[in-house]
Amino acid sequence: MERRRGGCLVCGRELVYSEKAREMTCVFCGKKEQSQASCRDGHYVCDACHARKGLDVIRDFCRETKLRDPVAVAQRIMEDPYIYMHGPEHHVLAGAALLAAFCNSGGQLDLEKALSLMEERGSQVPGGACGFWGCCGAGVSAGIYMSIVTGATPLGGRSWGLSNRMTARALAAIGEIGGPRCCKRDTFTAIREAVDMTREELGVEMELPRKITCAFSEENPQCRRGSCPYYDRGNNR
C-alpha cells in the first residue's frame, strides 16, 4: 500500500479546512455527518474509516510488544502504512503506546482491558480538534492514558487531578512548539511528557531514547524541519 503524504486518502490532494462545519458524505462508508475537512476535490473520509485499519495495527502491536520505551512503540507502529501521516488514529496511538510501555515497566494493569478503553475513548476525539478545539488529540490521549492507569472517574480525587494535569502538561508542551499540526511531533511530545509525569507521580520508570528522531519528515508537506525538535538533520539535507 502506498502511503499518502498527509493528504486525501482517495486522491492524495491537500486537505482544506472550513471555519464552519457542513454536511459531507464519506466516500468509503456513505455516512453523512457534519465536518470541516475535505480535500480540494471534495473527497471526505470520516474518522472511523480513516482510522479503522490503523486501530487494528495499534491494538495488535501493543498486545505483543515487550518494549518499555513508548516512543519506540509508537515509532514501530507508525511504520505501518495504515498509520497515515496525520489522522485520528494518533488519538489512540499515543495513549496505547504509553499503556503498553507502562505495563512492560512494572505498572499494574490489565493491558487488554486498558487498550480497549483507550480505543473507545480516544476514538471519540475528532480529527482537527487541535485547531478547532484548542486541544490536540495526542495530548488528550496522554490524559486518557493517565485516567486509565489511575482508574479516574468524574468523581475521582487524586486520579481526577492527575488526569487533567497530564492533559494540560502535554498540551502546554505541544503548544509551546507551535503549529501547524503534525501528528507525529505531537505524539512524541505527549509521550515524553507522560513518561516524566508517570515517573514523578506514580513511581513507574518507563524508558525514553536519549534523542527522539522523526523519520517521517518527507511525508509531511507542512514539516517545520529545523524548527522541530525531532527533525533528523542528518538524513534531511
Protein backbone atom coordinates (compact mmCIF):
# COMPACT_ATOMS: atom_id res chain seq x y z
CA MET A 1 0.00 0.00 0.00
CA GLU A 2 1.29 3.45 -0.94
CA ARG A 3 1.44 5.97 1.89
CA ARG A 4 -0.32 9.29 1.35
CA ARG A 5 1.79 12.34 2.15
CA GLY A 6 -0.51 13.91 4.71
CA GLY A 7 -3.34 14.41 2.21
CA CYS A 8 -6.56 12.86 0.95
CA LEU A 9 -6.77 9.06 1.23
CA VAL A 10 -8.61 8.94 -2.10
CA CYS A 11 -6.55 11.20 -4.38
CA GLY A 12 -3.64 12.46 -2.25
CA ARG A 13 -4.54 16.12 -2.70
CA GLU A 14 -4.16 18.63 0.11
CA LEU A 15 -6.87 18.82 2.77
CA VAL A 16 -8.68 22.11 3.31
CA TYR A 17 -10.49 23.20 6.44
CA SER A 18 -13.57 25.40 6.59
CA GLU A 19 -14.42 27.63 9.54
CA LYS A 20 -17.94 26.24 9.76
CA ALA A 21 -18.95 22.58 9.59
CA ARG A 22 -21.17 21.38 6.77
CA GLU A 23 -22.76 18.06 5.88
CA MET A 24 -20.44 15.72 4.00
CA THR A 25 -20.68 12.12 2.81
CA CYS A 26 -17.85 9.67 3.46
CA VAL A 27 -16.60 8.25 0.16
CA PHE A 28 -15.96 4.84 1.79
CA CYS A 29 -18.97 4.09 4.01
CA GLY A 30 -21.53 6.62 2.75
CA LYS A 31 -22.19 8.05 6.20
CA LYS A 32 -23.40 11.65 6.24
CA GLU A 33 -22.11 13.89 9.02
CA GLN A 34 -21.01 17.40 9.84
CA SER A 35 -17.33 18.11 9.17
CA GLN A 36 -14.95 20.96 8.48
CA ALA A 37 -12.43 18.99 6.41
CA SER A 38 -12.27 17.66 2.87
CA CYS A 39 -9.71 17.62 0.08
CA ARG A 40 -9.56 20.17 -2.72
CA ASP A 41 -11.50 17.79 -4.96
CA GLY A 42 -14.26 17.46 -2.34
CA HIS A 43 -13.48 13.93 -1.11
CA TYR A 44 -14.44 13.34 2.52
CA VAL A 45 -13.34 10.38 4.66
CA CYS A 46 -14.94 10.03 8.10
CA ASP A 47 -12.75 9.50 11.15
CA ALA A 48 -13.95 5.91 11.61
CA CYS A 49 -12.95 4.87 8.08
CA HIS A 50 -9.68 6.82 8.28
CA ALA A 51 -8.62 5.09 11.49
CA ARG A 52 -10.18 1.61 11.24
CA LYS A 53 -7.22 -0.41 9.92
CA GLY A 54 -4.74 1.67 11.87
CA LEU A 55 -6.53 0.87 15.13
CA ASP A 56 -6.10 -2.85 14.41
CA VAL A 57 -2.37 -2.27 13.93
CA ILE A 58 -2.11 -0.32 17.20
CA ARG A 59 -4.03 -2.90 19.20
CA ASP A 60 -2.14 -5.92 17.84
CA PHE A 61 1.33 -4.43 18.32
CA CYS A 62 0.66 -3.12 21.83
CA ARG A 63 -0.67 -6.52 22.93
CA GLU A 64 2.53 -8.29 21.90
CA THR A 65 5.40 -5.84 22.42
CA LYS A 66 7.81 -6.13 25.33
CA LEU A 67 9.28 -2.67 24.77
CA ARG A 68 9.49 -0.35 27.78
CA ASP A 69 10.03 2.75 25.65
CA PRO A 70 6.67 4.16 24.46
CA VAL A 71 8.35 6.34 21.83
CA ALA A 72 9.88 3.20 20.32
CA VAL A 73 6.44 1.52 20.48
CA ALA A 74 4.87 4.48 18.68
CA GLN A 75 7.63 4.64 16.06
CA ARG A 76 7.28 0.95 15.24
CA ILE A 77 3.53 1.34 14.84
CA MET A 78 3.95 4.48 12.73
CA GLU A 79 5.96 2.49 10.20
CA ASP A 80 2.82 0.60 9.18
CA PRO A 81 1.25 2.04 6.01
CA TYR A 82 -2.19 2.18 7.67
CA ILE A 83 -0.89 4.73 10.16
CA TYR A 84 -1.10 7.82 7.98
CA MET A 85 0.99 10.97 8.36
CA HIS A 86 -1.89 12.70 10.11
CA GLY A 87 -5.19 11.39 11.39
CA PRO A 88 -7.39 10.48 14.34
CA GLU A 89 -5.65 7.13 14.83
CA HIS A 90 -2.96 9.12 16.68
CA HIS A 91 -5.56 9.98 19.32
CA VAL A 92 -5.43 6.32 20.29
CA LEU A 93 -1.81 5.61 19.37
CA ALA A 94 -0.17 7.94 21.93
CA GLY A 95 -2.07 6.53 24.89
CA ALA A 96 -1.86 2.91 23.70
CA ALA A 97 1.93 3.12 23.36
CA LEU A 98 2.09 4.50 26.89
CA LEU A 99 -0.16 1.75 28.26
CA ALA A 100 1.98 -0.98 26.69
CA ALA A 101 5.23 0.50 27.98
CA PHE A 102 3.73 1.16 31.43
CA CYS A 103 2.66 -2.48 31.70
CA ASN A 104 6.09 -3.70 30.50
CA SER A 105 7.80 -1.43 33.05
CA GLY A 106 6.07 -2.99 36.05
CA GLY A 107 2.90 -0.91 36.13
CA GLN A 108 -0.09 -2.84 37.46
CA LEU A 109 -2.54 -3.02 34.60
CA ASP A 110 -4.97 -5.30 32.78
CA LEU A 111 -3.50 -4.42 29.39
CA GLU A 112 -6.25 -5.98 27.28
CA LYS A 113 -8.95 -4.03 29.11
CA ALA A 114 -6.83 -0.86 29.13
CA LEU A 115 -6.26 -0.97 25.35
CA SER A 116 -9.98 -1.46 24.78
CA LEU A 117 -10.78 1.58 26.92
CA MET A 118 -8.08 3.60 25.16
CA GLU A 119 -9.53 2.80 21.74
CA GLU A 120 -13.08 3.57 22.87
CA ARG A 121 -12.20 6.91 24.46
CA GLY A 122 -9.52 8.07 22.04
CA SER A 123 -11.77 7.39 19.05
CA GLN A 124 -14.24 9.96 20.38
CA VAL A 125 -11.73 12.80 19.87
CA PRO A 126 -12.38 14.11 16.34
CA GLY A 127 -9.81 14.89 13.72
CA GLY A 128 -8.95 18.59 13.65
CA ALA A 129 -9.55 19.07 17.39
CA CYS A 130 -6.05 20.55 17.68
CA GLY A 131 -7.00 23.59 15.63
CA PHE A 132 -10.75 23.89 16.13
CA TRP A 133 -11.00 22.98 19.83
CA GLY A 134 -7.54 24.01 21.00
CA CYS A 135 -6.75 20.56 22.35
CA CYS A 136 -4.54 18.26 20.29
CA GLY A 137 -5.81 14.69 20.29
CA ALA A 138 -2.37 13.33 21.16
CA GLY A 139 -2.34 15.48 24.30
CA VAL A 140 -5.84 14.32 25.20
CA SER A 141 -4.67 10.74 24.58
CA ALA A 142 -1.98 11.19 27.24
CA GLY A 143 -4.68 12.36 29.65
CA ILE A 144 -6.82 9.33 28.79
CA TYR A 145 -3.78 7.11 29.47
CA MET A 146 -3.39 8.66 32.92
CA SER A 147 -7.11 8.27 33.58
CA ILE A 148 -6.96 4.57 32.73
CA VAL A 149 -3.86 3.70 34.79
CA THR A 150 -5.16 5.60 37.84
CA GLY A 151 -8.79 4.46 37.47
CA ALA A 152 -10.06 8.04 37.28
CA THR A 153 -13.75 8.90 37.00
CA PRO A 154 -15.58 12.24 37.16
CA LEU A 155 -15.96 11.57 40.90
CA GLY A 156 -12.29 10.76 41.50
CA GLY A 157 -9.96 12.71 43.74
CA ARG A 158 -6.21 12.44 43.12
CA SER A 159 -6.77 10.38 39.97
CA TRP A 160 -9.07 13.08 38.55
CA GLY A 161 -6.46 15.72 39.23
CA LEU A 162 -3.63 13.69 37.75
CA SER A 163 -5.58 13.03 34.56
CA ASN A 164 -6.40 16.69 33.99
CA ARG A 165 -2.88 17.77 34.85
CA MET A 166 -1.50 15.20 32.42
CA THR A 167 -3.59 16.57 29.56
CA ALA A 168 -2.67 20.13 30.49
CA ARG A 169 1.03 19.30 30.68
CA ALA A 170 1.03 17.55 27.30
CA LEU A 171 -0.95 20.34 25.64
CA ALA A 172 1.32 23.02 27.10
CA ALA A 173 4.39 21.30 25.65
CA ILE A 174 2.67 20.76 22.29
CA GLY A 175 1.50 24.37 22.16
CA GLU A 176 4.94 25.69 23.09
CA ILE A 177 6.42 24.13 19.94
CA GLY A 178 3.70 25.68 17.80
CA GLY A 179 1.94 24.75 14.58
CA PRO A 180 0.99 23.79 12.03
CA ARG A 181 -0.21 20.44 13.29
CA CYS A 182 1.97 17.37 12.98
CA CYS A 183 0.54 14.18 14.43
CA LYS A 184 3.99 12.61 14.71
CA ARG A 185 5.59 15.57 16.51
CA ASP A 186 2.61 15.99 18.83
CA THR A 187 2.53 12.27 19.66
CA PHE A 188 6.22 12.24 20.56
CA THR A 189 5.76 15.33 22.73
CA ALA A 190 2.72 13.97 24.58
CA ILE A 191 4.50 10.67 25.24
CA ARG A 192 7.64 12.39 26.51
CA GLU A 193 5.63 14.44 29.00
CA ALA A 194 3.64 11.40 30.12
CA VAL A 195 6.78 9.36 30.79
CA ASP A 196 8.14 12.12 33.01
CA MET A 197 4.87 12.62 34.88
CA THR A 198 4.37 8.89 35.37
CA ARG A 199 7.79 8.64 36.99
CA GLU A 200 7.19 11.68 39.19
CA GLU A 201 3.66 10.85 40.32
CA LEU A 202 3.30 7.06 40.07
CA GLY A 203 6.88 5.88 40.53
CA VAL A 204 6.85 3.74 37.37
CA GLU A 205 10.00 4.22 35.29
CA MET A 206 9.49 3.81 31.56
CA GLU A 207 12.32 4.29 29.09
CA LEU A 208 12.92 7.12 26.63
CA PRO A 209 15.51 7.44 23.87
CA ARG A 210 18.33 9.89 24.54
CA LYS A 211 17.13 11.81 21.49
CA ILE A 212 13.81 11.40 19.72
CA THR A 213 14.31 11.48 15.95
CA CYS A 214 11.47 11.63 13.43
CA ALA A 215 11.68 9.52 10.27
CA PHE A 216 8.53 10.93 8.66
CA SER A 217 9.55 14.45 7.61
CA GLU A 218 9.34 13.76 3.88
CA GLU A 219 5.73 12.59 4.24
CA ASN A 220 4.65 15.91 5.76
CA PRO A 221 4.40 18.88 3.36
CA GLN A 222 4.00 21.20 6.36
CA CYS A 223 7.01 19.85 8.26
CA ARG A 224 8.76 22.63 10.19
CA ARG A 225 12.08 20.88 9.60
CA GLY A 226 14.84 22.63 11.56
CA SER A 227 12.27 24.27 13.86
CA CYS A 228 11.01 20.87 15.03
CA PRO A 229 12.87 19.32 17.99
CA TYR A 230 12.63 15.87 16.40
CA TYR A 231 13.80 16.75 12.89
CA ASP A 232 16.58 14.49 11.65
CA ARG A 233 19.09 16.92 10.20
CA GLY A 234 21.49 14.13 9.29
CA ASN A 235 19.08 12.41 6.90
CA ASN A 236 17.31 15.50 5.56
CA ARG A 237 19.95 17.71 3.95
